[in-house]
Structure formats: structure tokens, C-alpha cells
Amino acid sequence: MDSKELKLKGNWNELKGKIKQQYGQLTDDDLVYEEGKDDELVGRIQKKIGKTKDQVIEWIQSL
């Protein structure tokens, strides 16, 4: 089974705000997004909230 890819839509700052509303333990440092470094971002979020990579990606894309 192929792993999902993170495809960000919209403004990252808006998404970041929604993410922090749901998971207050995530800091700005956890949510630093750099073009081409999606795996690092997902990994940091994954570590903090205890979800799988696919779950994190699905959740972000649903926001």
C-alpha cells in the first residue's frame, strides 16, 4: 500500500492555526513548513500527537 503524500491546500498560516486549536501541545517550531520537507513536518506532528503518518496527512488535508 502506498503511503499518502501531504498536499497542502490554502494558506499554511491558516492551517497552522487550526492545527494548534486541536492540538495545543504543538508549537510553532513543530509546525515549521518548508517546501519539499513535508516528511519532516509530518514526522514532528506524528511524534507529538501519536498518530500514524497517513492519519496525520489525512487530518491536515481535511482541515
Protein backbone atom coordinates (compact mmCIF):
# COMPACT_ATOMS: atom_id res chain seq x y z
CA MET A 1 0.00 0.00 0.00
CA ASP A 2 1.38 3.37 -0.98
CA SER A 3 1.80 5.97 1.68
CA LYS A 4 -0.15 9.17 1.26
CA GLU A 5 1.54 12.40 0.25
CA LEU A 6 0.94 15.66 2.01
CA LYS A 7 -0.67 18.11 -0.37
CA LEU A 8 -1.20 21.40 1.34
CA LYS A 9 -4.05 23.50 0.14
CA GLY A 10 -4.71 27.07 1.10
CA ASN A 11 -2.69 29.25 3.39
CA TRP A 12 -0.30 27.38 5.69
CA ASN A 13 -0.69 30.01 8.43
CA GLU A 14 -4.45 29.38 8.49
CA LEU A 15 -3.94 25.63 8.64
CA LYS A 16 -1.34 26.07 11.38
CA GLY A 17 -3.91 27.95 13.47
CA LYS A 18 -6.47 25.18 13.06
CA ILE A 19 -3.88 22.55 13.95
CA LYS A 20 -2.88 24.42 17.12
CA GLN A 21 -6.54 24.77 18.13
CA GLN A 22 -6.93 20.98 18.08
CA TYR A 23 -3.51 20.11 19.47
CA GLY A 24 -2.31 22.84 21.80
CA GLN A 25 0.87 20.94 22.57
CA LEU A 26 2.17 21.62 19.05
CA THR A 27 4.46 24.64 18.94
CA ASP A 28 5.41 26.98 16.10
CA ASP A 29 8.71 25.07 15.90
CA ASP A 30 6.79 21.82 15.39
CA LEU A 31 4.80 23.41 12.58
CA VAL A 32 7.59 24.97 10.54
CA TYR A 33 6.85 24.13 6.90
CA GLU A 34 9.48 24.27 4.22
CA GLU A 35 8.81 23.45 0.59
CA GLY A 36 9.92 19.88 -0.13
CA LYS A 37 10.26 18.91 3.52
CA ASP A 38 6.77 17.53 4.07
CA ASP A 39 8.06 14.33 5.69
CA GLU A 40 9.89 16.30 8.38
CA LEU A 41 6.76 18.31 9.20
CA VAL A 42 4.56 15.20 9.33
CA GLY A 43 7.17 13.42 11.46
CA ARG A 44 7.24 16.22 14.05
CA ILE A 45 3.44 16.27 14.27
CA GLN A 46 3.29 12.47 14.39
CA LYS A 47 5.72 12.34 17.30
CA LYS A 48 3.69 14.83 19.34
CA ILE A 49 0.16 13.52 18.73
CA GLY A 50 0.86 9.79 18.43
CA LYS A 51 -0.84 9.16 15.08
CA THR A 52 0.42 7.33 12.01
CA LYS A 53 1.85 9.24 9.07
CA ASP A 54 -1.25 8.53 6.97
CA GLN A 55 -3.55 9.64 9.80
CA VAL A 56 -1.66 12.93 10.18
CA ILE A 57 -1.76 13.60 6.43
CA GLU A 58 -5.48 12.79 6.16
CA TRP A 59 -6.21 15.00 9.16
CA ILE A 60 -4.23 18.00 7.80
CA GLN A 61 -5.88 17.66 4.40
CA SER A 62 -9.33 17.58 5.99
CA LEU A 63 -8.84 20.97 7.65
